[in-house]
Amino acid sequence: MRTLNHLMQADRTMRSIAYVPFADNSKRFELRSATTVMEIIISLFLLATLAVLSGQIIASVVQTRIEQRKRAWALQEAGNAMEKAFLVPWAELEPGQRREWPCSEAAKRILKDARTTILTEATDDNNVRRLVVRVEWSPGRGQTTQQIQLVAFRHHPQRSEKVAVATQMLGNDAGASGNAE
């Protein structure tokens, strides 16, 4: 009995000293529990820092993609409105005129408070009109409105035909004189 008590006491002593004997009993390995806990705390801190940074980067990428998608929809709406503007008769395209065009249902779902405006501006030539299509939308949360603008020049149809015929005639004359030489 005394041997069993003696072994149990020796085992408790070794555990309280924090060393574990090796098989040959000549080398001892000391456990440093405080260092291990500190290493775990530092590792968890670094892991948490990396998780927070990764989360911020992912949130930024997602927000950028959402804004990019909104700009693409706005550009598509501007293109559609420009096509409609080219279908308007020339007589209705007075300089200084501003028209509001309705946005498509799909664009209304993606672009908050979307508005499409077409402005007709005069140029130096009375047979040319500058058409400016502007799509504006609110990104939300009290931010300033975003906009995209598309510009095109529309020529008077009759004047354009006369210029084309005159250019063609000049080209034929130059071609005929070029062959004669």
Protein backbone atom coordinates (compact mmCIF):
# COMPACT_ATOMS: atom_id res chain seq x y z
CA MET A 1 0.00 0.00 0.00
CA ARG A 2 2.79 2.26 0.85
CA THR A 3 4.21 1.85 -2.64
CA LEU A 4 0.94 2.82 -4.29
CA ASN A 5 0.61 5.95 -2.14
CA HIS A 6 4.20 6.78 -2.81
CA LEU A 7 3.67 6.52 -6.62
CA MET A 8 0.52 8.64 -6.49
CA GLN A 9 2.30 11.33 -4.51
CA ALA A 10 5.23 11.28 -6.94
CA ASP A 11 2.80 11.59 -9.87
CA ARG A 12 1.08 14.63 -8.26
CA THR A 13 4.45 16.22 -7.60
CA MET A 14 5.58 15.77 -11.19
CA ARG A 15 2.34 17.23 -12.53
CA SER A 16 2.56 20.23 -10.21
CA ILE A 17 6.11 20.90 -11.36
CA ALA A 18 4.85 20.63 -14.96
CA TYR A 19 7.31 18.25 -16.43
CA VAL A 20 6.80 14.93 -18.09
CA PRO A 21 9.65 12.42 -17.87
CA PHE A 22 10.78 10.70 -21.04
CA ALA A 23 11.23 6.98 -21.29
CA ASP A 24 14.92 7.14 -20.42
CA ASN A 25 14.29 9.54 -17.46
CA SER A 26 17.47 11.44 -18.36
CA LYS A 27 15.74 14.23 -20.28
CA ARG A 28 12.90 16.27 -18.99
CA PHE A 29 10.39 18.31 -20.97
CA GLU A 30 8.98 21.32 -19.21
CA LEU A 31 5.50 22.50 -20.12
CA ARG A 32 5.07 26.25 -20.29
CA SER A 33 1.33 26.67 -20.08
CA ALA A 34 1.40 30.49 -19.83
CA THR A 35 3.33 30.80 -23.09
CA THR A 36 0.91 28.48 -24.85
CA VAL A 37 -2.10 30.53 -23.72
CA MET A 38 -0.37 33.74 -24.85
CA GLU A 39 0.36 32.22 -28.24
CA ILE A 40 -3.28 31.17 -28.61
CA ILE A 41 -4.46 34.68 -27.68
CA ILE A 42 -2.11 36.28 -30.23
CA SER A 43 -3.17 33.78 -32.89
CA LEU A 44 -6.85 34.48 -32.24
CA PHE A 45 -6.20 38.23 -32.39
CA LEU A 46 -4.45 37.88 -35.76
CA LEU A 47 -7.20 35.63 -37.04
CA ALA A 48 -9.88 38.13 -35.98
CA THR A 49 -7.96 41.00 -37.60
CA LEU A 50 -7.67 39.09 -40.87
CA ALA A 51 -11.37 38.17 -40.75
CA VAL A 52 -12.38 41.81 -40.27
CA LEU A 53 -10.11 43.01 -43.09
CA SER A 54 -11.36 40.27 -45.41
CA GLY A 55 -14.95 41.19 -44.59
CA GLN A 56 -14.32 44.85 -45.41
CA ILE A 57 -12.66 43.99 -48.70
CA ILE A 58 -15.51 41.68 -49.69
CA ALA A 59 -18.11 44.33 -48.75
CA SER A 60 -16.25 46.92 -50.83
CA VAL A 61 -16.09 44.61 -53.85
CA VAL A 62 -19.80 43.81 -53.58
CA GLN A 63 -20.69 47.52 -53.34
CA THR A 64 -18.53 48.33 -56.37
CA ARG A 65 -20.20 45.60 -58.42
CA ILE A 66 -23.65 46.88 -57.46
CA GLU A 67 -22.74 50.42 -58.54
CA GLN A 68 -21.23 49.10 -61.76
CA ARG A 69 -24.45 47.20 -62.49
CA LYS A 70 -26.50 50.34 -61.88
CA ARG A 71 -24.30 52.36 -64.25
CA ALA A 72 -24.67 49.67 -66.93
CA TRP A 73 -28.47 49.80 -66.60
CA ALA A 74 -28.40 53.59 -66.77
CA LEU A 75 -26.27 53.47 -69.92
CA GLN A 76 -28.69 51.01 -71.50
CA GLU A 77 -31.62 53.30 -70.63
CA ALA A 78 -29.77 56.26 -72.16
CA GLY A 79 -29.16 54.28 -75.36
CA ASN A 80 -32.82 53.28 -75.57
CA ALA A 81 -33.92 56.89 -75.03
CA MET A 82 -31.48 58.08 -77.71
CA GLU A 83 -33.01 55.61 -80.18
CA LYS A 84 -36.45 56.99 -79.35
CA ALA A 85 -35.15 60.55 -79.77
CA PHE A 86 -33.95 59.75 -83.29
CA LEU A 87 -37.49 58.60 -84.14
CA VAL A 88 -38.97 62.00 -83.20
CA PRO A 89 -39.77 64.08 -86.31
CA TRP A 90 -37.26 66.86 -87.08
CA ALA A 91 -39.91 69.57 -86.72
CA GLU A 92 -40.44 68.62 -83.06
CA LEU A 93 -36.74 68.95 -82.17
CA GLU A 94 -36.66 72.63 -81.26
CA PRO A 95 -33.46 73.92 -79.62
CA GLY A 96 -33.75 74.37 -75.87
CA GLN A 97 -36.50 71.77 -75.58
CA ARG A 98 -36.39 69.38 -72.61
CA ARG A 99 -38.38 66.14 -72.54
CA GLU A 100 -38.89 63.63 -69.76
CA TRP A 101 -38.97 60.02 -70.88
CA PRO A 102 -40.24 57.17 -68.73
CA CYS A 103 -37.75 54.51 -67.68
CA SER A 104 -38.39 50.84 -68.29
CA GLU A 105 -39.82 48.73 -65.50
CA ALA A 106 -36.58 46.76 -65.16
CA ALA A 107 -34.57 49.97 -64.78
CA LYS A 108 -37.02 51.30 -62.19
CA ARG A 109 -36.43 48.19 -60.10
CA ILE A 110 -32.65 48.58 -60.20
CA LEU A 111 -32.25 52.38 -60.30
CA LYS A 112 -33.91 54.14 -57.38
CA ASP A 113 -35.86 57.29 -58.42
CA ALA A 114 -34.62 57.03 -62.03
CA ARG A 115 -35.35 59.88 -64.45
CA THR A 116 -34.50 60.12 -68.14
CA THR A 117 -34.25 63.57 -69.69
CA ILE A 118 -33.62 64.48 -73.33
CA LEU A 119 -32.36 67.97 -74.08
CA THR A 120 -32.24 69.38 -77.61
CA GLU A 121 -29.51 71.97 -78.13
CA ALA A 122 -28.76 74.21 -81.09
CA THR A 123 -25.46 74.08 -82.96
CA ASP A 124 -23.74 76.52 -85.33
CA ASP A 125 -25.43 74.75 -88.23
CA ASN A 126 -29.24 75.13 -88.28
CA ASN A 127 -29.52 71.70 -89.91
CA VAL A 128 -27.90 69.93 -86.95
CA ARG A 129 -29.26 69.37 -83.45
CA ARG A 130 -27.28 68.19 -80.46
CA LEU A 131 -29.26 65.63 -78.44
CA VAL A 132 -28.24 65.07 -74.82
CA VAL A 133 -29.78 62.13 -72.97
CA ARG A 134 -29.26 62.16 -69.21
CA VAL A 135 -30.27 59.37 -66.84
CA GLU A 136 -30.22 60.27 -63.14
CA TRP A 137 -30.80 58.01 -60.15
CA SER A 138 -30.40 58.12 -56.42
CA PRO A 139 -27.90 55.69 -54.88
CA GLY A 140 -29.73 56.06 -51.56
CA ARG A 141 -28.69 56.87 -48.00
CA GLY A 142 -28.58 60.62 -48.56
CA GLN A 143 -25.87 60.47 -51.22
CA THR A 144 -25.80 62.81 -54.19
CA THR A 145 -27.61 61.68 -57.31
CA GLN A 146 -25.64 59.73 -59.89
CA GLN A 147 -25.98 60.45 -63.58
CA ILE A 148 -24.88 59.20 -66.94
CA GLN A 149 -25.02 61.27 -70.11
CA LEU A 150 -25.09 60.30 -73.77
CA VAL A 151 -24.64 62.87 -76.59
CA ALA A 152 -25.40 62.56 -80.30
CA PHE A 153 -25.83 64.90 -83.26
CA ARG A 154 -28.86 64.60 -85.50
CA HIS A 155 -28.84 66.12 -88.95
CA HIS A 156 -31.87 67.43 -90.84
CA PRO A 157 -32.95 64.59 -93.13
CA GLN A 158 -33.45 66.69 -96.30
CA ARG A 159 -30.22 68.61 -95.81
CA SER A 160 -28.32 65.37 -95.23
CA GLU A 161 -29.64 63.93 -98.50
CA LYS A 162 -28.57 67.07 -100.41
CA VAL A 163 -25.08 66.94 -98.87
CA ALA A 164 -24.78 63.23 -99.70
CA VAL A 165 -25.83 63.80 -103.31
CA ALA A 166 -23.44 66.77 -103.66
CA THR A 167 -20.57 64.77 -102.15
CA GLN A 168 -21.34 61.85 -104.42
CA MET A 169 -21.40 64.10 -107.47
CA LEU A 170 -18.07 65.66 -106.50
CA GLY A 171 -16.64 62.18 -106.01
CA ASN A 172 -17.85 61.10 -109.48
CA ASP A 173 -16.37 64.22 -111.07
CA ALA A 174 -13.05 63.66 -109.32
CA GLY A 175 -13.11 60.02 -110.33
CA ALA A 176 -13.85 60.86 -113.97
CA SER A 177 -11.10 63.47 -114.12
CA GLY A 178 -8.73 61.06 -112.43
CA ASN A 179 -9.39 58.45 -115.13
CA ALA A 180 -8.93 60.97 -117.94
CA GLU A 181 -5.41 61.90 -116.88
